[in-house]
Amino acid sequence: ELNSNPFGKADEKCTWTVLNSTGTDLEVRGTGCQMGRDYGMTSDVTVKIHALDSEHAEGSSAGSTTGGGYDVHHHATYVGKWMGASCAGH
């Protein structure tokens, strides 16, 4: 089930806010991310995940990185398959 924020790891350095959360869909917004930090830039991103069934999911992310006279926009789509509770051996 997609009912929690899987992006809240300390090393992400983003402030994550859950925008929508159901048993099959999750939408989170990350602000103040450190991508580009070494160049005086800040990043924001929105991530959406949709569980197709108990083993398959699809999603997308879109965001921007700004600062130092640059304004970079990024977009990605992805698909995933449940491999197990641990990555060991996969």
C-alpha atoms as a PDB file:
ATOM      1  CA  GLU A   1       0.000   0.000   0.000  1.00  0.00           C
ATOM      2  CA  LEU A   2       1.106   3.534  -0.732  1.00  0.00           C
ATOM      3  CA  ASN A   3       0.067   5.259   2.445  1.00  0.00           C
ATOM      4  CA  SER A   4       3.280   6.754   3.809  1.00  0.00           C
ATOM      5  CA  ASN A   5       6.194   8.927   2.687  1.00  0.00           C
ATOM      6  CA  PRO A   6       9.094   6.734   1.508  1.00  0.00           C
ATOM      7  CA  PHE A   7      11.223   9.803   0.681  1.00  0.00           C
ATOM      8  CA  GLY A   8      11.868  11.020   4.216  1.00  0.00           C
ATOM      9  CA  LYS A   9      15.436   9.702   4.484  1.00  0.00           C
ATOM     10  CA  ALA A  10      17.864  11.988   6.312  1.00  0.00           C
ATOM     11  CA  ASP A  11      20.366  11.967   3.420  1.00  0.00           C
ATOM     12  CA  GLU A  12      17.799  13.340   0.945  1.00  0.00           C
ATOM     13  CA  LYS A  13      17.961  16.809   2.516  1.00  0.00           C
ATOM     14  CA  CYS A  14      14.557  17.726   1.078  1.00  0.00           C
ATOM     15  CA  THR A  15      11.560  18.836   3.056  1.00  0.00           C
ATOM     16  CA  TRP A  16       8.892  16.349   1.974  1.00  0.00           C
ATOM     17  CA  THR A  17       5.165  17.014   2.103  1.00  0.00           C
ATOM     18  CA  VAL A  18       2.565  14.381   1.279  1.00  0.00           C
ATOM     19  CA  LEU A  19       0.043  15.936  -1.127  1.00  0.00           C
ATOM     20  CA  ASN A  20      -2.074  12.825  -1.706  1.00  0.00           C
ATOM     21  CA  SER A  21      -1.935   9.342  -0.235  1.00  0.00           C
ATOM     22  CA  THR A  22      -4.262   6.408  -0.831  1.00  0.00           C
ATOM     23  CA  GLY A  23      -3.847   2.644  -0.979  1.00  0.00           C
ATOM     24  CA  THR A  24      -2.707   2.861  -4.626  1.00  0.00           C
ATOM     25  CA  ASP A  25      -1.468   6.416  -5.153  1.00  0.00           C
ATOM     26  CA  LEU A  26       1.120   8.636  -3.526  1.00  0.00           C
ATOM     27  CA  GLU A  27       2.039  12.205  -4.451  1.00  0.00           C
ATOM     28  CA  VAL A  28       4.766  14.025  -2.524  1.00  0.00           C
ATOM     29  CA  ARG A  29       6.468  17.387  -2.929  1.00  0.00           C
ATOM     30  CA  GLY A  30      10.110  17.933  -2.021  1.00  0.00           C
ATOM     31  CA  THR A  31      11.326  21.490  -1.410  1.00  0.00           C
ATOM     32  CA  GLY A  32      14.740  22.885  -0.569  1.00  0.00           C
ATOM     33  CA  CYS A  33      16.477  19.810  -2.008  1.00  0.00           C
ATOM     34  CA  GLN A  34      20.255  19.897  -2.153  1.00  0.00           C
ATOM     35  CA  MET A  35      20.629  19.033  -5.841  1.00  0.00           C
ATOM     36  CA  GLY A  36      22.839  21.866  -7.172  1.00  0.00           C
ATOM     37  CA  ARG A  37      23.610  23.160  -3.674  1.00  0.00           C
ATOM     38  CA  ASP A  38      27.350  23.370  -4.415  1.00  0.00           C
ATOM     39  CA  TYR A  39      26.527  25.877  -7.184  1.00  0.00           C
ATOM     40  CA  GLY A  40      24.173  28.085  -5.155  1.00  0.00           C
ATOM     41  CA  MET A  41      21.075  26.380  -6.531  1.00  0.00           C
ATOM     42  CA  THR A  42      17.963  24.961  -4.891  1.00  0.00           C
ATOM     43  CA  SER A  43      15.644  22.266  -6.201  1.00  0.00           C
ATOM     44  CA  ASP A  44      11.984  21.386  -5.839  1.00  0.00           C
ATOM     45  CA  VAL A  45      10.372  18.181  -7.102  1.00  0.00           C
ATOM     46  CA  THR A  46       6.961  16.510  -7.209  1.00  0.00           C
ATOM     47  CA  VAL A  47       6.875  12.699  -7.282  1.00  0.00           C
ATOM     48  CA  LYS A  48       3.796  10.625  -8.149  1.00  0.00           C
ATOM     49  CA  ILE A  49       3.567   6.835  -7.735  1.00  0.00           C
ATOM     50  CA  HIS A  50       0.660   4.619  -8.759  1.00  0.00           C
ATOM     51  CA  ALA A  51       0.490   0.944  -7.743  1.00  0.00           C
ATOM     52  CA  LEU A  52      -0.953  -1.059 -10.632  1.00  0.00           C
ATOM     53  CA  ASP A  53      -1.214  -4.171  -8.458  1.00  0.00           C
ATOM     54  CA  SER A  54       0.660  -5.690  -5.500  1.00  0.00           C
ATOM     55  CA  GLU A  55       3.854  -6.182  -7.551  1.00  0.00           C
ATOM     56  CA  HIS A  56       3.898  -3.385 -10.155  1.00  0.00           C
ATOM     57  CA  ALA A  57       4.001   0.403  -9.972  1.00  0.00           C
ATOM     58  CA  GLU A  58       4.518   3.339 -12.290  1.00  0.00           C
ATOM     59  CA  GLY A  59       5.347   6.905 -11.551  1.00  0.00           C
ATOM     60  CA  SER A  60       6.711  10.227 -12.597  1.00  0.00           C
ATOM     61  CA  SER A  61       8.672  13.110 -11.199  1.00  0.00           C
ATOM     62  CA  ALA A  62       8.956  16.713 -12.291  1.00  0.00           C
ATOM     63  CA  GLY A  63      10.836  19.591 -10.790  1.00  0.00           C
ATOM     64  CA  SER A  64      13.118  22.529 -11.211  1.00  0.00           C
ATOM     65  CA  THR A  65      16.551  23.622 -10.089  1.00  0.00           C
ATOM     66  CA  THR A  66      17.227  27.343  -9.985  1.00  0.00           C
ATOM     67  CA  GLY A  67      20.025  29.702  -9.012  1.00  0.00           C
ATOM     68  CA  GLY A  68      23.193  31.249 -10.356  1.00  0.00           C
ATOM     69  CA  GLY A  69      21.359  32.552 -13.414  1.00  0.00           C
ATOM     70  CA  TYR A  70      20.070  29.093 -14.365  1.00  0.00           C
ATOM     71  CA  ASP A  71      16.560  27.669 -14.435  1.00  0.00           C
ATOM     72  CA  VAL A  72      16.605  23.935 -15.178  1.00  0.00           C
ATOM     73  CA  HIS A  73      13.422  21.845 -15.456  1.00  0.00           C
ATOM     74  CA  HIS A  74      13.437  18.047 -15.271  1.00  0.00           C
ATOM     75  CA  HIS A  75      10.904  15.306 -15.845  1.00  0.00           C
ATOM     76  CA  ALA A  76      11.136  11.524 -15.537  1.00  0.00           C
ATOM     77  CA  THR A  77       8.826   8.537 -15.790  1.00  0.00           C
ATOM     78  CA  TYR A  78       9.494   5.066 -14.460  1.00  0.00           C
ATOM     79  CA  VAL A  79       8.056   1.633 -13.835  1.00  0.00           C
ATOM     80  CA  GLY A  80       8.850  -0.752 -11.020  1.00  0.00           C
ATOM     81  CA  LYS A  81       8.399  -4.348  -9.975  1.00  0.00           C
ATOM     82  CA  TRP A  82       8.444  -5.691  -6.413  1.00  0.00           C
ATOM     83  CA  MET A  83      11.524  -7.884  -6.017  1.00  0.00           C
ATOM     84  CA  GLY A  84      11.250  -8.710  -2.335  1.00  0.00           C
ATOM     85  CA  ALA A  85      11.593  -7.241   1.128  1.00  0.00           C
ATOM     86  CA  SER A  86      15.388  -7.001   0.748  1.00  0.00           C
ATOM     87  CA  CYS A  87      17.647  -6.171  -2.186  1.00  0.00           C
ATOM     88  CA  ALA A  88      20.144  -8.839  -1.099  1.00  0.00           C
ATOM     89  CA  GLY A  89      20.586 -11.424  -3.827  1.00  0.00           C
ATOM     90  CA  HIS A  90      18.818  -9.383  -6.544  1.00  0.00           C
END
